[in-house]
């Protein structure tokens, strides 16, 4: 998925303040299950640090979870949806 160069990139701490979830919960429970690499967050320059794409997070926060597609998380990050 391509993102606009105008995308709002947030650290985990900044995202935590916006969505009212603890940083630890985002890292341990939401990342790679709800937030998908390449869709909701990126690793700039292939490094360890992650930045969340606010527009994608905000868009998907309001979608009903009942219509969620099955997902298989991948060890290297990301997921297969089907």
PDB file of N, CA and C in Angstrom:
ATOM      1  N   UNK A   1       0.845  -1.178   0.000  1.00  0.00           N
ATOM      2  CA  UNK A   1       0.000   0.000   0.000  1.00  0.00           C
ATOM      3  C   UNK A   1       0.886   1.235   0.000  1.00  0.00           C
ATOM      4  N   UNK A   2       0.599   2.162  -0.859  1.00  0.00           N
ATOM      5  CA  UNK A   2       1.362   3.401  -0.892  1.00  0.00           C
ATOM      6  C   UNK A   2       0.696   4.432   0.007  1.00  0.00           C
ATOM      7  N   UNK A   3       1.515   5.206   0.653  1.00  0.00           N
ATOM      8  CA  UNK A   3       1.009   6.249   1.531  1.00  0.00           C
ATOM      9  C   UNK A   3       1.474   7.593   1.012  1.00  0.00           C
ATOM     10  N   UNK A   4       0.688   8.571   1.282  1.00  0.00           N
ATOM     11  CA  UNK A   4       1.004   9.935   0.888  1.00  0.00           C
ATOM     12  C   UNK A   4       2.228  10.431   1.648  1.00  0.00           C
ATOM     13  N   UNK A   5       2.980  11.273   1.001  1.00  0.00           N
ATOM     14  CA  UNK A   5       4.102  11.894   1.700  1.00  0.00           C
ATOM     15  C   UNK A   5       3.595  12.848   2.775  1.00  0.00           C
ATOM     16  N   UNK A   6       2.304  13.105   2.781  1.00  0.00           N
ATOM     17  CA  UNK A   6       1.699  13.949   3.803  1.00  0.00           C
ATOM     18  C   UNK A   6       1.156  13.133   4.972  1.00  0.00           C
ATOM     19  N   UNK A   7       1.447  11.828   5.011  1.00  0.00           N
ATOM     20  CA  UNK A   7       0.958  10.982   6.096  1.00  0.00           C
ATOM     21  C   UNK A   7       1.526  11.465   7.421  1.00  0.00           C
ATOM     22  N   UNK A   8       0.717  11.355   8.459  1.00  0.00           N
ATOM     23  CA  UNK A   8       1.134  11.731   9.801  1.00  0.00           C
ATOM     24  C   UNK A   8       1.755  10.512  10.459  1.00  0.00           C
ATOM     25  N   UNK A   9       3.059  10.571  10.708  1.00  0.00           N
ATOM     26  CA  UNK A   9       3.769   9.460  11.320  1.00  0.00           C
ATOM     27  C   UNK A   9       3.923   9.716  12.810  1.00  0.00           C
ATOM     28  N   UNK A  10       3.566   8.703  13.621  1.00  0.00           N
ATOM     29  CA  UNK A  10       3.584   8.842  15.074  1.00  0.00           C
ATOM     30  C   UNK A  10       4.446   7.761  15.708  1.00  0.00           C
ATOM     31  N   UNK A  11       5.127   8.110  16.774  1.00  0.00           N
ATOM     32  CA  UNK A  11       5.808   7.104  17.583  1.00  0.00           C
ATOM     33  C   UNK A  11       4.745   6.339  18.362  1.00  0.00           C
ATOM     34  N   UNK A  12       5.144   5.252  18.990  1.00  0.00           N
ATOM     35  CA  UNK A  12       4.203   4.478  19.798  1.00  0.00           C
ATOM     36  C   UNK A  12       3.649   5.331  20.945  1.00  0.00           C
ATOM     37  N   UNK A  13       4.485   6.163  21.523  1.00  0.00           N
ATOM     38  CA  UNK A  13       4.052   7.030  22.621  1.00  0.00           C
ATOM     39  C   UNK A  13       3.012   8.049  22.143  1.00  0.00           C
ATOM     40  N   UNK A  14       3.251   8.635  20.970  1.00  0.00           N
ATOM     41  CA  UNK A  14       2.307   9.609  20.417  1.00  0.00           C
ATOM     42  C   UNK A  14       0.984   8.932  20.060  1.00  0.00           C
ATOM     43  N   UNK A  15       1.056   7.734  19.487  1.00  0.00           N
ATOM     44  CA  UNK A  15      -0.169   6.989  19.166  1.00  0.00           C
ATOM     45  C   UNK A  15      -0.929   6.657  20.445  1.00  0.00           C
ATOM     46  N   UNK A  16      -0.222   6.247  21.468  1.00  0.00           N
ATOM     47  CA  UNK A  16      -0.828   5.914  22.750  1.00  0.00           C
ATOM     48  C   UNK A  16      -1.664   7.082  23.286  1.00  0.00           C
ATOM     49  N   UNK A  17      -1.122   8.273  23.207  1.00  0.00           N
ATOM     50  CA  UNK A  17      -1.841   9.457  23.688  1.00  0.00           C
ATOM     51  C   UNK A  17      -3.104   9.712  22.873  1.00  0.00           C
ATOM     52  N   UNK A  18      -3.057   9.416  21.581  1.00  0.00           N
ATOM     53  CA  UNK A  18      -4.222   9.683  20.722  1.00  0.00           C
ATOM     54  C   UNK A  18      -5.332   8.651  20.887  1.00  0.00           C
ATOM     55  N   UNK A  19      -4.965   7.371  21.031  1.00  0.00           N
ATOM     56  CA  UNK A  19      -6.012   6.339  21.060  1.00  0.00           C
ATOM     57  C   UNK A  19      -6.319   5.846  22.476  1.00  0.00           C
ATOM     58  N   UNK A  20      -5.614   6.375  23.459  1.00  0.00           N
ATOM     59  CA  UNK A  20      -5.871   6.067  24.875  1.00  0.00           C
ATOM     60  C   UNK A  20      -5.634   4.600  25.227  1.00  0.00           C
ATOM     61  N   UNK A  21      -4.591   4.022  24.644  1.00  0.00           N
ATOM     62  CA  UNK A  21      -4.122   2.687  25.015  1.00  0.00           C
ATOM     63  C   UNK A  21      -2.706   2.834  25.530  1.00  0.00           C
ATOM     64  N   UNK A  22      -2.320   2.006  26.483  1.00  0.00           N
ATOM     65  CA  UNK A  22      -0.960   2.034  27.009  1.00  0.00           C
ATOM     66  C   UNK A  22       0.042   1.625  25.928  1.00  0.00           C
ATOM     67  N   UNK A  23       1.215   2.224  25.968  1.00  0.00           N
ATOM     68  CA  UNK A  23       2.276   1.918  25.008  1.00  0.00           C
ATOM     69  C   UNK A  23       2.567   0.419  25.005  1.00  0.00           C
ATOM     70  N   UNK A  24       2.692  -0.155  26.170  1.00  0.00           N
ATOM     71  CA  UNK A  24       2.999  -1.586  26.280  1.00  0.00           C
ATOM     72  C   UNK A  24       1.926  -2.442  25.622  1.00  0.00           C
ATOM     73  N   UNK A  25       0.656  -2.078  25.806  1.00  0.00           N
ATOM     74  CA  UNK A  25      -0.441  -2.833  25.194  1.00  0.00           C
ATOM     75  C   UNK A  25      -0.378  -2.735  23.668  1.00  0.00           C
ATOM     76  N   UNK A  26      -0.064  -1.567  23.154  1.00  0.00           N
ATOM     77  CA  UNK A  26       0.068  -1.391  21.702  1.00  0.00           C
ATOM     78  C   UNK A  26       1.171  -2.294  21.179  1.00  0.00           C
ATOM     79  N   UNK A  27       2.325  -2.268  21.835  1.00  0.00           N
ATOM     80  CA  UNK A  27       3.469  -3.064  21.374  1.00  0.00           C
ATOM     81  C   UNK A  27       3.246  -4.562  21.507  1.00  0.00           C
ATOM     82  N   UNK A  28       2.636  -4.998  22.588  1.00  0.00           N
ATOM     83  CA  UNK A  28       2.522  -6.433  22.868  1.00  0.00           C
ATOM     84  C   UNK A  28       1.258  -7.072  22.316  1.00  0.00           C
ATOM     85  N   UNK A  29       0.180  -6.306  22.156  1.00  0.00           N
ATOM     86  CA  UNK A  29      -1.090  -6.913  21.763  1.00  0.00           C
ATOM     87  C   UNK A  29      -1.659  -6.413  20.440  1.00  0.00           C
ATOM     88  N   UNK A  30      -1.473  -5.154  20.138  1.00  0.00           N
ATOM     89  CA  UNK A  30      -2.083  -4.605  18.927  1.00  0.00           C
ATOM     90  C   UNK A  30      -1.174  -4.694  17.708  1.00  0.00           C
ATOM     91  N   UNK A  31       0.132  -4.469  17.921  1.00  0.00           N
ATOM     92  CA  UNK A  31       1.077  -4.517  16.801  1.00  0.00           C
ATOM     93  C   UNK A  31       1.115  -5.939  16.258  1.00  0.00           C
ATOM     94  N   UNK A  32       0.966  -6.073  14.967  1.00  0.00           N
ATOM     95  CA  UNK A  32       0.978  -7.340  14.223  1.00  0.00           C
ATOM     96  C   UNK A  32      -0.279  -8.189  14.404  1.00  0.00           C
ATOM     97  N   UNK A  33      -1.258  -7.712  15.160  1.00  0.00           N
ATOM     98  CA  UNK A  33      -2.544  -8.406  15.180  1.00  0.00           C
ATOM     99  C   UNK A  33      -3.624  -7.459  14.672  1.00  0.00           C
ATOM    100  N   UNK A  34      -3.652  -6.252  15.195  1.00  0.00           N
ATOM    101  CA  UNK A  34      -4.588  -5.231  14.726  1.00  0.00           C
ATOM    102  C   UNK A  34      -3.870  -4.277  13.774  1.00  0.00           C
ATOM    103  N   UNK A  35      -2.690  -3.857  14.177  1.00  0.00           N
ATOM    104  CA  UNK A  35      -1.892  -2.974  13.336  1.00  0.00           C
ATOM    105  C   UNK A  35      -0.942  -3.819  12.495  1.00  0.00           C
ATOM    106  N   UNK A  36      -1.030  -3.668  11.192  1.00  0.00           N
ATOM    107  CA  UNK A  36      -0.277  -4.480  10.252  1.00  0.00           C
ATOM    108  C   UNK A  36       0.859  -3.648   9.637  1.00  0.00           C
ATOM    109  N   UNK A  37       2.048  -4.242   9.604  1.00  0.00           N
ATOM    110  CA  UNK A  37       3.194  -3.558   9.005  1.00  0.00           C
ATOM    111  C   UNK A  37       2.925  -3.279   7.530  1.00  0.00           C
ATOM    112  N   UNK A  38       3.215  -2.077   7.106  1.00  0.00           N
ATOM    113  CA  UNK A  38       2.981  -1.672   5.724  1.00  0.00           C
ATOM    114  C   UNK A  38       1.613  -1.057   5.511  1.00  0.00           C
ATOM    115  N   UNK A  39       0.713  -1.284   6.461  1.00  0.00           N
ATOM    116  CA  UNK A  39      -0.625  -0.688   6.389  1.00  0.00           C
ATOM    117  C   UNK A  39      -0.763   0.363   7.486  1.00  0.00           C
ATOM    118  N   UNK A  40      -0.532  -0.050   8.733  1.00  0.00           N
ATOM    119  CA  UNK A  40      -0.707   0.835   9.887  1.00  0.00           C
ATOM    120  C   UNK A  40       0.610   1.368  10.441  1.00  0.00           C
ATOM    121  N   UNK A  41       1.699   0.685  10.137  1.00  0.00           N
ATOM    122  CA  UNK A  41       2.991   1.182  10.600  1.00  0.00           C
ATOM    123  C   UNK A  41       4.091   0.783   9.624  1.00  0.00           C
ATOM    124  N   UNK A  42       5.186   1.517   9.728  1.00  0.00           N
ATOM    125  CA  UNK A  42       6.351   1.250   8.880  1.00  0.00           C
ATOM    126  C   UNK A  42       7.602   1.177   9.752  1.00  0.00           C
ATOM    127  N   UNK A  43       8.624   0.590   9.181  1.00  0.00           N
ATOM    128  CA  UNK A  43       9.952   0.586   9.790  1.00  0.00           C
ATOM    129  C   UNK A  43      10.848   1.392   8.850  1.00  0.00           C
ATOM    130  N   UNK A  44      11.022   2.696   9.128  1.00  0.00           N
ATOM    131  CA  UNK A  44      11.810   3.529   8.211  1.00  0.00           C
ATOM    132  C   UNK A  44      13.213   2.970   7.994  1.00  0.00           C
ATOM    133  N   UNK A  45      13.590   2.917   6.749  1.00  0.00           N
ATOM    134  CA  UNK A  45      14.923   2.471   6.346  1.00  0.00           C
ATOM    135  C   UNK A  45      15.213   1.043   6.779  1.00  0.00           C
ATOM    136  N   UNK A  46      14.149   0.236   7.016  1.00  0.00           N
ATOM    137  CA  UNK A  46      14.326  -1.157   7.404  1.00  0.00           C
ATOM    138  C   UNK A  46      14.915  -1.348   8.788  1.00  0.00           C
ATOM    139  N   UNK A  47      14.825  -0.346   9.607  1.00  0.00           N
ATOM    140  CA  UNK A  47      15.416  -0.391  10.954  1.00  0.00           C
ATOM    141  C   UNK A  47      14.419  -0.877  11.995  1.00  0.00           C
ATOM    142  N   UNK A  48      14.856  -0.869  13.235  1.00  0.00           N
ATOM    143  CA  UNK A  48      14.060  -1.374  14.354  1.00  0.00           C
ATOM    144  C   UNK A  48      12.893  -0.452  14.738  1.00  0.00           C
ATOM    145  N   UNK A  49      13.117   0.841  14.696  1.00  0.00           N
ATOM    146  CA  UNK A  49      12.104   1.822  15.105  1.00  0.00           C
ATOM    147  C   UNK A  49      10.870   1.691  14.218  1.00  0.00           C
ATOM    148  N   UNK A  50       9.697   1.817  14.835  1.00  0.00           N
ATOM    149  CA  UNK A  50       8.470   1.797  14.049  1.00  0.00           C
ATOM    150  C   UNK A  50       7.747   3.131  14.193  1.00  0.00           C
ATOM    151  N   UNK A  51       7.093   3.524  13.108  1.00  0.00           N
ATOM    152  CA  UNK A  51       6.267   4.731  13.100  1.00  0.00           C
ATOM    153  C   UNK A  51       4.886   4.342  12.600  1.00  0.00           C
ATOM    154  N   UNK A  52       3.876   4.760  13.335  1.00  0.00           N
ATOM    155  CA  UNK A  52       2.498   4.452  12.979  1.00  0.00           C
ATOM    156  C   UNK A  52       1.952   5.502  12.017  1.00  0.00           C
ATOM    157  N   UNK A  53       1.164   5.064  11.063  1.00  0.00           N
ATOM    158  CA  UNK A  53       0.552   5.938  10.059  1.00  0.00           C
ATOM    159  C   UNK A  53      -0.835   6.306  10.575  1.00  0.00           C
ATOM    160  N   UNK A  54      -0.954   7.513  11.099  1.00  0.00           N
ATOM    161  CA  UNK A  54      -2.166   7.930  11.788  1.00  0.00           C
ATOM    162  C   UNK A  54      -3.413   7.785  10.918  1.00  0.00           C
ATOM    163  N   UNK A  55      -3.337   8.189   9.671  1.00  0.00           N
ATOM    164  CA  UNK A  55      -4.527   8.151   8.819  1.00  0.00           C
ATOM    165  C   UNK A  55      -5.059   6.721   8.667  1.00  0.00           C
ATOM    166  N   UNK A  56      -4.186   5.732   8.563  1.00  0.00           N
ATOM    167  CA  UNK A  56      -4.618   4.332   8.438  1.00  0.00           C
ATOM    168  C   UNK A  56      -5.187   3.814   9.755  1.00  0.00           C
ATOM    169  N   UNK A  57      -4.556   4.171  10.863  1.00  0.00           N
ATOM    170  CA  UNK A  57      -5.057   3.757  12.177  1.00  0.00           C
ATOM    171  C   UNK A  57      -6.430   4.364  12.418  1.00  0.00           C
ATOM    172  N   UNK A  58      -6.555   5.651  12.173  1.00  0.00           N
ATOM    173  CA  UNK A  58      -7.816   6.355  12.400  1.00  0.00           C
ATOM    174  C   UNK A  58      -8.925   5.774  11.518  1.00  0.00           C
ATOM    175  N   UNK A  59      -8.633   5.517  10.250  1.00  0.00           N
ATOM    176  CA  UNK A  59      -9.614   4.952   9.322  1.00  0.00           C
ATOM    177  C   UNK A  59     -10.132   3.604   9.832  1.00  0.00           C
ATOM    178  N   UNK A  60      -9.219   2.742  10.259  1.00  0.00           N
ATOM    179  CA  UNK A  60      -9.613   1.387  10.633  1.00  0.00           C
ATOM    180  C   UNK A  60     -10.182   1.276  12.042  1.00  0.00           C
ATOM    181  N   UNK A  61      -9.962   2.270  12.883  1.00  0.00           N
ATOM    182  CA  UNK A  61     -10.529   2.245  14.241  1.00  0.00           C
ATOM    183  C   UNK A  61     -12.052   2.238  14.211  1.00  0.00           C
ATOM    184  N   UNK A  62     -12.641   2.815  13.180  1.00  0.00           N
ATOM    185  CA  UNK A  62     -14.084   2.966  13.140  1.00  0.00           C
ATOM    186  C   UNK A  62     -14.774   1.886  12.326  1.00  0.00           C
ATOM    187  N   UNK A  63     -14.016   0.925  11.778  1.00  0.00           N
ATOM    188  CA  UNK A  63     -14.631  -0.176  11.034  1.00  0.00           C
ATOM    189  C   UNK A  63     -15.114  -1.233  12.009  1.00  0.00           C
ATOM    190  N   UNK A  64     -16.296  -1.790  11.754  1.00  0.00           N
ATOM    191  CA  UNK A  64     -16.802  -2.840  12.642  1.00  0.00           C
ATOM    192  C   UNK A  64     -15.917  -4.086  12.570  1.00  0.00           C
ATOM    193  N   UNK A  65     -15.616  -4.673  13.701  1.00  0.00           N
ATOM    194  CA  UNK A  65     -14.734  -5.844  13.741  1.00  0.00           C
ATOM    195  C   UNK A  65     -15.432  -7.117  13.295  1.00  0.00           C
ATOM    196  N   UNK A  66     -16.739  -7.132  13.206  1.00  0.00           N
ATOM    197  CA  UNK A  66     -17.481  -8.327  12.792  1.00  0.00           C
ATOM    198  C   UNK A  66     -17.171  -8.720  11.356  1.00  0.00           C
ATOM    199  N   UNK A  67     -16.713  -7.778  10.549  1.00  0.00           N
ATOM    200  CA  UNK A  67     -16.428  -8.061   9.143  1.00  0.00           C
ATOM    201  C   UNK A  67     -14.952  -8.320   8.893  1.00  0.00           C
ATOM    202  N   UNK A  68     -14.230  -8.581   9.967  1.00  0.00           N
ATOM    203  CA  UNK A  68     -12.789  -8.775   9.847  1.00  0.00           C
ATOM    204  C   UNK A  68     -12.473 -10.070   9.108  1.00  0.00           C
ATOM    205  N   UNK A  69     -11.504  -9.994   8.187  1.00  0.00           N
ATOM    206  CA  UNK A  69     -11.075 -11.174   7.451  1.00  0.00           C
ATOM    207  C   UNK A  69     -10.150 -12.001   8.320  1.00  0.00           C
ATOM    208  N   UNK A  70     -10.114 -13.328   8.110  1.00  0.00           N
ATOM    209  CA  UNK A  70      -9.143 -14.149   8.841  1.00  0.00           C
ATOM    210  C   UNK A  70      -7.725 -13.684   8.513  1.00  0.00           C
ATOM    211  N   UNK A  71      -6.839 -13.772   9.505  1.00  0.00           N
ATOM    212  CA  UNK A  71      -5.492 -13.284   9.312  1.00  0.00           C
ATOM    213  C   UNK A  71      -4.499 -14.252   9.935  1.00  0.00           C
ATOM    214  N   UNK A  72      -3.383 -14.480   9.234  1.00  0.00           N
ATOM    215  CA  UNK A  72      -2.296 -15.302   9.762  1.00  0.00           C
ATOM    216  C   UNK A  72      -1.075 -14.406   9.886  1.00  0.00           C
ATOM    217  N   UNK A  73      -0.616 -14.123  11.126  1.00  0.00           N
ATOM    218  CA  UNK A  73       0.578 -13.295  11.288  1.00  0.00           C
ATOM    219  C   UNK A  73       1.817 -14.021  10.786  1.00  0.00           C
ATOM    220  N   UNK A  74       2.734 -13.295  10.190  1.00  0.00           N
ATOM    221  CA  UNK A  74       3.981 -13.862   9.695  1.00  0.00           C
ATOM    222  C   UNK A  74       5.112 -13.560  10.672  1.00  0.00           C
ATOM    223  N   UNK A  75       6.045 -14.486  10.795  1.00  0.00           N
ATOM    224  CA  UNK A  75       7.146 -14.333  11.751  1.00  0.00           C
ATOM    225  C   UNK A  75       7.980 -13.090  11.486  1.00  0.00           C
ATOM    226  N   UNK A  76       8.172 -12.750  10.226  1.00  0.00           N
ATOM    227  CA  UNK A  76       8.991 -11.594   9.867  1.00  0.00           C
ATOM    228  C   UNK A  76       8.217 -10.287   9.906  1.00  0.00           C
ATOM    229  N   UNK A  77       6.981 -10.324  10.350  1.00  0.00           N
ATOM    230  CA  UNK A  77       6.130  -9.141  10.356  1.00  0.00           C
ATOM    231  C   UNK A  77       5.129  -9.206   9.243  1.00  0.00           C
ATOM    232  N   UNK A  78       4.070  -8.435   9.339  1.00  0.00           N
ATOM    233  CA  UNK A  78       3.027  -8.471   8.343  1.00  0.00           C
ATOM    234  C   UNK A  78       2.098  -9.639   8.580  1.00  0.00           C
ATOM    235  N   UNK A  79       1.210  -9.886   7.631  1.00  0.00           N
ATOM    236  CA  UNK A  79       0.230 -10.954   7.785  1.00  0.00           C
ATOM    237  C   UNK A  79      -0.339 -11.336   6.433  1.00  0.00           C
ATOM    238  N   UNK A  80      -0.923 -12.514   6.410  1.00  0.00           N
ATOM    239  CA  UNK A  80      -1.659 -12.975   5.243  1.00  0.00           C
ATOM    240  C   UNK A  80      -3.127 -12.905   5.590  1.00  0.00           C
ATOM    241  N   UNK A  81      -3.881 -12.206   4.793  1.00  0.00           N
ATOM    242  CA  UNK A  81      -5.326 -12.103   5.027  1.00  0.00           C
ATOM    243  C   UNK A  81      -6.046 -12.904   3.970  1.00  0.00           C
ATOM    244  N   UNK A  82      -7.167 -13.475   4.338  1.00  0.00           N
ATOM    245  CA  UNK A  82      -7.883 -14.274   3.358  1.00  0.00           C
ATOM    246  C   UNK A  82      -9.189 -14.636   3.766  1.00  0.00           C
TER     247      UNK A  82
END
